[in-house]
Structures are given as C-alpha cells and as structure tokens.
C-alpha atoms as a PDB file:
ATOM      1  CA  MET A   1     223.199  72.103  48.239  1.00  0.00           C
ATOM      2  CA  LYS A   2     225.402  69.404  48.946  1.00  0.00           C
ATOM      3  CA  LYS A   3     226.712  68.857  45.771  1.00  0.00           C
ATOM      4  CA  TYR A   4     227.953  72.570  45.369  1.00  0.00           C
ATOM      5  CA  VAL A   5     229.999  72.668  48.613  1.00  0.00           C
ATOM      6  CA  LEU A   6     233.055  72.251  47.254  1.00  0.00           C
ATOM      7  CA  LEU A   7     232.573  74.751  44.324  1.00  0.00           C
ATOM      8  CA  LEU A   8     231.267  76.978  47.176  1.00  0.00           C
ATOM      9  CA  LEU A   9     234.121  76.496  49.633  1.00  0.00           C
ATOM     10  CA  SER A  10     236.965  77.105  46.269  1.00  0.00           C
ATOM     11  CA  VAL A  11     235.038  80.455  45.387  1.00  0.00           C
ATOM     12  CA  LEU A  12     235.384  81.287  49.543  1.00  0.00           C
ATOM     13  CA  LEU A  13     238.908  80.278  49.258  1.00  0.00           C
ATOM     14  CA  PHE A  14     239.652  82.372  46.355  1.00  0.00           C
ATOM     15  CA  ALA A  15     238.142  85.647  48.104  1.00  0.00           C
ATOM     16  CA  VAL A  16     239.964  85.042  50.935  1.00  0.00           C
ATOM     17  CA  THR A  17     242.992  84.583  49.223  1.00  0.00           C
ATOM     18  CA  PHE A  18     242.641  87.754  47.386  1.00  0.00           C
ATOM     19  CA  ALA A  19     242.198  89.821  50.196  1.00  0.00           C
ATOM     20  CA  VAL A  20     244.960  88.165  52.049  1.00  0.00           C
ATOM     21  CA  CYS A  21     247.472  89.159  49.142  1.00  0.00           C
ATOM     22  CA  TRP A  22     245.619  92.684  48.471  1.00  0.00           C
ATOM     23  CA  TYR A  23     246.420  93.453  52.383  1.00  0.00           C
ATOM     24  CA  HIS A  24     249.691  91.299  52.338  1.00  0.00           C
ATOM     25  CA  ASP A  25     251.821  94.725  53.467  1.00  0.00           C
ATOM     26  CA  HIS A  26     249.369  95.389  56.314  1.00  0.00           C
ATOM     27  CA  LEU A  27     248.967  91.983  57.516  1.00  0.00           C
ATOM     28  CA  PHE A  28     253.110  92.012  57.228  1.00  0.00           C
ATOM     29  CA  SER A  29     253.427  94.989  59.207  1.00  0.00           C
ATOM     30  CA  VAL A  30     251.247  93.645  61.932  1.00  0.00           C
ATOM     31  CA  LEU A  31     251.439  90.124  62.262  1.00  0.00           C
ATOM     32  CA  TYR A  32     255.083  89.855  60.848  1.00  0.00           C
ATOM     33  CA  LEU A  33     256.054  85.932  61.533  1.00  0.00           C
ATOM     34  CA  PHE A  34     252.319  84.846  61.125  1.00  0.00           C
ATOM     35  CA  VAL A  35     251.740  85.798  58.006  1.00  0.00           C
ATOM     36  CA  ALA A  36     253.601  82.906  56.588  1.00  0.00           C
ATOM     37  CA  SER A  37     251.230  80.582  58.509  1.00  0.00           C
ATOM     38  CA  ILE A  38     248.362  82.031  56.985  1.00  0.00           C
ATOM     39  CA  TYR A  39     249.630  81.442  53.542  1.00  0.00           C
ATOM     40  CA  PHE A  40     250.588  77.923  54.878  1.00  0.00           C
ATOM     41  CA  ALA A  41     246.969  77.115  55.945  1.00  0.00           C
ATOM     42  CA  LEU A  42     245.581  78.497  52.897  1.00  0.00           C
ATOM     43  CA  PHE A  43     247.889  76.373  50.476  1.00  0.00           C
ATOM     44  CA  VAL A  44     246.396  73.579  53.161  1.00  0.00           C
ATOM     45  CA  CYS A  45     243.243  74.155  51.872  1.00  0.00           C
ATOM     46  CA  PHE A  46     243.848  74.480  48.576  1.00  0.00           C
ATOM     47  CA  VAL A  47     245.568  71.130  48.474  1.00  0.00           C
ATOM     48  CA  ILE A  48     242.269  69.695  50.226  1.00  0.00           C
ATOM     49  CA  LEU A  49     239.927  71.142  47.916  1.00  0.00           C
ATOM     50  CA  LEU A  50     241.582  70.151  44.950  1.00  0.00           C
ATOM     51  CA  VAL A  51     242.031  66.377  45.965  1.00  0.00           C
ATOM     52  CA  CYS A  52     238.638  66.576  47.218  1.00  0.00           C
ATOM     53  CA  SER A  53     237.244  67.593  43.497  1.00  0.00           C
ATOM     54  CA  ILE A  54     239.631  64.830  41.883  1.00  0.00           C
ATOM     55  CA  VAL A  55     238.272  62.321  44.276  1.00  0.00           C
ATOM     56  CA  SER A  56     234.604  63.321  43.761  1.00  0.00           C
ATOM     57  CA  ILE A  57     235.126  63.265  39.793  1.00  0.00           C
ATOM     58  CA  VAL A  58     236.751  60.036  39.582  1.00  0.00           C
ATOM     59  CA  LYS A  59     234.664  57.850  42.308  1.00  0.00           C
ATOM     60  CA  ARG A  60     231.230  59.525  42.137  1.00  0.00           C
ATOM     61  CA  LYS A  61     231.455  60.954  38.704  1.00  0.00           C
ATOM     62  CA  ALA A  62     230.438  64.696  39.996  1.00  0.00           C
ATOM     63  CA  TYR A  63     231.605  66.721  37.010  1.00  0.00           C
ATOM     64  CA  LEU A  64     230.181  69.718  38.409  1.00  0.00           C
ATOM     65  CA  ASN A  65     233.841  69.788  40.224  1.00  0.00           C
ATOM     66  CA  PHE A  66     235.190  70.402  37.017  1.00  0.00           C
ATOM     67  CA  ALA A  67     234.303  74.170  38.214  1.00  0.00           C
ATOM     68  CA  THR A  68     235.920  73.701  41.380  1.00  0.00           C
ATOM     69  CA  ILE A  69     239.109  72.957  39.559  1.00  0.00           C
ATOM     70  CA  ALA A  70     238.797  75.612  37.262  1.00  0.00           C
ATOM     71  CA  VAL A  71     238.308  78.386  40.331  1.00  0.00           C
ATOM     72  CA  LEU A  72     241.556  76.849  41.777  1.00  0.00           C
ATOM     73  CA  ALA A  73     243.445  76.910  38.579  1.00  0.00           C
ATOM     74  CA  LEU A  74     242.013  80.614  38.557  1.00  0.00           C
ATOM     75  CA  LEU A  75     243.078  81.234  41.924  1.00  0.00           C
ATOM     76  CA  VAL A  76     246.819  79.735  41.286  1.00  0.00           C
ATOM     77  CA  GLU A  77     247.051  82.245  38.181  1.00  0.00           C
ATOM     78  CA  LEU A  78     246.045  85.034  40.001  1.00  0.00           C
ATOM     79  CA  PHE A  79     248.342  84.763  43.252  1.00  0.00           C
ATOM     80  CA  LEU A  80     251.356  84.249  40.621  1.00  0.00           C
ATOM     81  CA  LEU A  81     250.279  86.885  38.138  1.00  0.00           C
ATOM     82  CA  PHE A  82     248.149  89.752  39.305  1.00  0.00           C
ATOM     83  CA  PRO A  83     250.540  92.442  40.494  1.00  0.00           C
ATOM     84  CA  PHE A  84     248.417  93.197  44.214  1.00  0.00           C
ATOM     85  CA  ARG A  85     250.867  95.860  45.442  1.00  0.00           C
ATOM     86  CA  ASP A  86     250.838  97.798  42.623  1.00  0.00           C
ATOM     87  CA  ALA A  87     247.239  97.716  41.634  1.00  0.00           C
ATOM     88  CA  ARG A  88     246.335  98.653  45.261  1.00  0.00           C
ATOM     89  CA  VAL A  89     248.616 101.706  44.948  1.00  0.00           C
ATOM     90  CA  ARG A  90     247.014 102.889  42.153  1.00  0.00           C
ATOM     91  CA  TRP A  91     243.519 102.077  43.467  1.00  0.00           C
ATOM     92  CA  GLU A  92     244.848 104.146  46.819  1.00  0.00           C
ATOM     93  CA  LEU A  93     246.198 106.911  44.830  1.00  0.00           C
ATOM     94  CA  ASN A  94     242.980 107.509  43.254  1.00  0.00           C
ATOM     95  CA  ARG A  95     240.783 107.359  46.565  1.00  0.00           C
ATOM     96  CA  TYR A  96     243.173 109.254  49.052  1.00  0.00           C
ATOM     97  CA  GLU A  97     244.682 111.792  46.571  1.00  0.00           C
ATOM     98  CA  ALA A  98     242.133 114.506  47.888  1.00  0.00           C
ATOM     99  CA  ASP A  99     243.368 113.683  51.605  1.00  0.00           C
ATOM    100  CA  ARG A 100     246.975 113.418  51.027  1.00  0.00           C
ATOM    101  CA  LEU A 101     247.061 116.760  49.189  1.00  0.00           C
ATOM    102  CA  LYS A 102     245.173 118.085  52.793  1.00  0.00           C
ATOM    103  CA  ILE A 103     248.188 116.836  54.366  1.00  0.00           C
ATOM    104  CA  VAL A 104     250.624 118.444  51.903  1.00  0.00           C
ATOM    105  CA  ASP A 105     249.049 121.783  52.241  1.00  0.00           C
ATOM    106  CA  MET A 106     249.131 121.461  56.120  1.00  0.00           C
ATOM    107  CA  LEU A 107     253.114 120.716  56.506  1.00  0.00           C
ATOM    108  CA  ARG A 108     253.301 123.501  53.680  1.00  0.00           C
ATOM    109  CA  ASP A 109     251.444 126.085  55.861  1.00  0.00           C
ATOM    110  CA  ASP A 110     253.244 124.625  59.260  1.00  0.00           C
ATOM    111  CA  ARG A 111     250.064 123.455  60.628  1.00  0.00           C
ATOM    112  CA  LEU A 112     251.635 119.792  60.651  1.00  0.00           C
ATOM    113  CA  GLN A 113     255.200 119.303  61.748  1.00  0.00           C
ATOM    114  CA  PRO A 114     257.271 116.041  61.898  1.00  0.00           C
ATOM    115  CA  THR A 115     257.324 114.697  65.668  1.00  0.00           C
ATOM    116  CA  ASP A 116     260.890 114.136  65.386  1.00  0.00           C
ATOM    117  CA  PRO A 117     264.145 115.498  63.964  1.00  0.00           C
ATOM    118  CA  TYR A 118     264.075 112.560  61.452  1.00  0.00           C
ATOM    119  CA  GLY A 119     261.234 113.808  59.592  1.00  0.00           C
ATOM    120  CA  ASN A 120     258.253 111.051  60.787  1.00  0.00           C
ATOM    121  CA  ILE A 121     255.260 112.687  60.832  1.00  0.00           C
ATOM    122  CA  GLU A 122     252.524 111.275  63.116  1.00  0.00           C
ATOM    123  CA  LEU A 123     249.206 111.773  60.948  1.00  0.00           C
ATOM    124  CA  PRO A 124     246.075 113.177  62.532  1.00  0.00           C
ATOM    125  CA  ASP A 125     242.961 111.163  63.359  1.00  0.00           C
ATOM    126  CA  GLY A 126     241.123 110.619  60.208  1.00  0.00           C
ATOM    127  CA  TYR A 127     243.864 110.654  58.190  1.00  0.00           C
ATOM    128  CA  ARG A 128     245.962 107.672  59.898  1.00  0.00           C
ATOM    129  CA  CYS A 129     244.734 105.418  56.486  1.00  0.00           C
ATOM    130  CA  LEU A 130     246.550 107.509  54.271  1.00  0.00           C
ATOM    131  CA  SER A 131     249.806 105.522  55.023  1.00  0.00           C
ATOM    132  CA  SER A 132     250.282 101.981  55.600  1.00  0.00           C
ATOM    133  CA  ASP A 133     251.244 102.455  59.728  1.00  0.00           C
ATOM    134  CA  GLY A 134     249.500 105.971  60.189  1.00  0.00           C
ATOM    135  CA  THR A 135     252.839 107.893  59.383  1.00  0.00           C
ATOM    136  CA  ALA A 136     254.128 109.887  56.585  1.00  0.00           C
ATOM    137  CA  TYR A 137     257.968 111.083  56.372  1.00  0.00           C
ATOM    138  CA  LEU A 138     259.114 114.677  55.448  1.00  0.00           C
ATOM    139  CA  TYR A 139     262.221 114.674  53.149  1.00  0.00           C
ATOM    140  CA  GLN A 140     261.923 118.156  52.269  1.00  0.00           C
ATOM    141  CA  ASN A 141     259.766 121.238  53.058  1.00  0.00           C
ATOM    142  CA  ASP A 142     261.156 124.589  52.020  1.00  0.00           C
ATOM    143  CA  GLU A 143     261.189 127.294  49.370  1.00  0.00           C
ATOM    144  CA  ASN A 144     262.946 124.932  46.891  1.00  0.00           C
ATOM    145  CA  GLY A 145     260.043 122.407  47.250  1.00  0.00           C
ATOM    146  CA  GLN A 146     258.335 119.412  48.997  1.00  0.00           C
ATOM    147  CA  VAL A 147     258.971 115.805  49.149  1.00  0.00           C
ATOM    148  CA  ILE A 148     256.537 113.765  51.355  1.00  0.00           C
ATOM    149  CA  CYS A 149     256.459 110.159  51.387  1.00  0.00           C
ATOM    150  CA  PHE A 150     253.341 108.024  52.036  1.00  0.00           C
ATOM    151  CA  TRP A 151     253.944 104.545  53.234  1.00  0.00           C
ATOM    152  CA  VAL A 152     253.046 101.892  51.336  1.00  0.00           C
ATOM    153  CA  TYR A 153     255.088  99.200  52.950  1.00  0.00           C
ATOM    154  CA  ARG A 154     257.685 100.160  55.408  1.00  0.00           C
ATOM    155  CA  GLY A 155     260.361  97.260  55.483  1.00  0.00           C
ATOM    156  CA  VAL A 156     261.794  95.883  58.635  1.00  0.00           C
ATOM    157  CA  LEU A 157     265.601  96.061  57.041  1.00  0.00           C
ATOM    158  CA  GLY A 158     265.194  99.318  54.898  1.00  0.00           C
ATOM    159  CA  ASP A 159     263.397  98.058  52.051  1.00  0.00           C
ATOM    160  CA  ALA A 160     260.367 100.033  51.240  1.00  0.00           C
ATOM    161  CA  ALA A 161     257.456 101.115  49.111  1.00  0.00           C
ATOM    162  CA  GLU A 162     256.590 104.608  48.876  1.00  0.00           C
ATOM    163  CA  VAL A 163     253.790 106.808  47.354  1.00  0.00           C
ATOM    164  CA  ILE A 164     255.974 110.354  47.302  1.00  0.00           C
ATOM    165  CA  TYR A 165     254.544 113.678  46.456  1.00  0.00           C
ATOM    166  CA  SER A 166     257.041 115.875  44.975  1.00  0.00           C
ATOM    167  CA  SER A 167     256.396 119.050  43.787  1.00  0.00           C
ATOM    168  CA  GLY A 168     259.665 119.378  41.770  1.00  0.00           C
ATOM    169  CA  GLY A 169     259.334 116.078  40.195  1.00  0.00           C
ATOM    170  CA  GLU A 170     261.705 113.125  39.731  1.00  0.00           C
ATOM    171  CA  GLU A 171     264.964 114.998  40.056  1.00  0.00           C
ATOM    172  CA  LEU A 172     263.860 116.470  43.780  1.00  0.00           C
ATOM    173  CA  ILE A 173     263.327 112.863  44.805  1.00  0.00           C
ATOM    174  CA  ARG A 174     266.509 111.737  43.913  1.00  0.00           C
ATOM    175  CA  SER A 175     268.370 114.651  45.427  1.00  0.00           C
ATOM    176  CA  ASN A 176     266.886 113.851  48.724  1.00  0.00           C
ATOM    177  CA  ARG A 177     266.447 109.760  48.592  1.00  0.00           C
ATOM    178  CA  ILE A 178     268.818 107.071  48.328  1.00  0.00           C
ATOM    179  CA  ASN A 179     268.928 103.619  47.088  1.00  0.00           C
ATOM    180  CA  ILE A 180     266.227 103.958  44.835  1.00  0.00           C
ATOM    181  CA  MET A 181     265.574 100.722  42.837  1.00  0.00           C
ATOM    182  CA  SER A 182     262.527 101.900  40.793  1.00  0.00           C
ATOM    183  CA  LEU A 183     260.616 105.173  40.632  1.00  0.00           C
ATOM    184  CA  GLU A 184     257.505 105.397  38.544  1.00  0.00           C
ATOM    185  CA  LYS A 185     255.391 108.203  37.868  1.00  0.00           C
ATOM    186  CA  LEU A 186     251.621 107.960  38.547  1.00  0.00           C
ATOM    187  CA  LYS A 187     250.333 111.606  37.927  1.00  0.00           C
ATOM    188  CA  ASP A 188     251.618 114.882  38.157  1.00  0.00           C
ATOM    189  CA  HIS A 189     253.717 114.994  41.502  1.00  0.00           C
ATOM    190  CA  TRP A 190     252.691 112.013  42.684  1.00  0.00           C
ATOM    191  CA  TYR A 191     255.473 108.813  42.141  1.00  0.00           C
ATOM    192  CA  TYR A 192     255.664 105.314  43.099  1.00  0.00           C
ATOM    193  CA  VAL A 193     259.095 104.460  44.706  1.00  0.00           C
ATOM    194  CA  ILE A 194     260.420 101.578  45.624  1.00  0.00           C
ATOM    195  CA  THR A 195     263.994 101.605  48.002  1.00  0.00           C
ATOM    196  CA  ASN A 196     266.481  99.141  49.373  1.00  0.00           C
END
C-alpha cells in the first residue's frame, strides 16, 4: 500500500481541485479573500507531490510514480483548459430548469414579488439553490414580456454571470440590460449573459 501513497494523494488532489474550480463562484461569494489561500494550498500540495514523485523515481526507481506525474499533468491541463463555469451553467440549466420555470410562473401570476424597488427577489425556501446567492433579479414582468435573472456569479464590482429567462428573446434582454459582454442562447427562452 505504501508504494501507492503518492498516486492516491495525486488522485485526491485532482478531485479536490476539480471541486474547488467547479464551485469557485460560490466559494468566492462566501469566502472572498480566502479563495486565494485555497488555491495557494492546492499549488503547494501539487509541488510537493511532483517533487516527491520525481525523487522516488530517480532515487528509489519507483516507476509507478510516472502514473502520479501523469495524474498531475492531467490536473494542470484540466485547470488551464476546462471551462468550469460554462460547464456548470449548462449542467445547472438542465438540473434546475423546471424549478426556475416555477419561479417564472410565480412572478407572472404575482405569487412572488421583488423584495425591494430595484427588482431583487428573495427566492423562497427550497428554491434558493437556483441562484448563486439565493436571490434572483426581475428586469421586466409586464404584458410586453418577462426578463428574469438567476445569478451564476454576482460580482463584487459589477461583473456578473447570469442565466436569464426571456420570453421575448435576445432583443428583450438587450433592451433591459446594459454592459453586456457576451450573450449566448442556451435553449428556448434561456440565455447565458456575462456583464461588466
């Protein structure tokens, strides 16, 4: 078992790093400044595992640790190339679409109202997971259509990533939302919007 320790630790590091990157937006919203410490700790663990693997190959001829180095190389590729936020947005859209449509219907039928004059909506218990901070934002809800935002990431200085329901398509979003950096249609009525 001892000869597999570095390999098992590298697989564990891979899993933890994937989880941290997958939930980066949530971690940043909650922990803010401490997120850098988490990434630094992961980097230190990576370096220690890499050095120990190289030393064990050179000094002890433990060639099994080439597998450890391969896992670490795969980790670097994953960290640098995998679009975590985009993948999570698409996964959550499929997972939460039915519940998000219930919120849209509640707003349309006036069973749910914004909690302030700016359009912020405190999501009911059981629906708070539909948005990164448990709130949604109502841009428009009238006879001309609905535009409702579910936060993916609600930035500190205005940067944001949003999944938006729009009954009137892209044009209705653009008429309600300024500073759009990118807008991508995910499904009918569902858009992924990044703003600054």
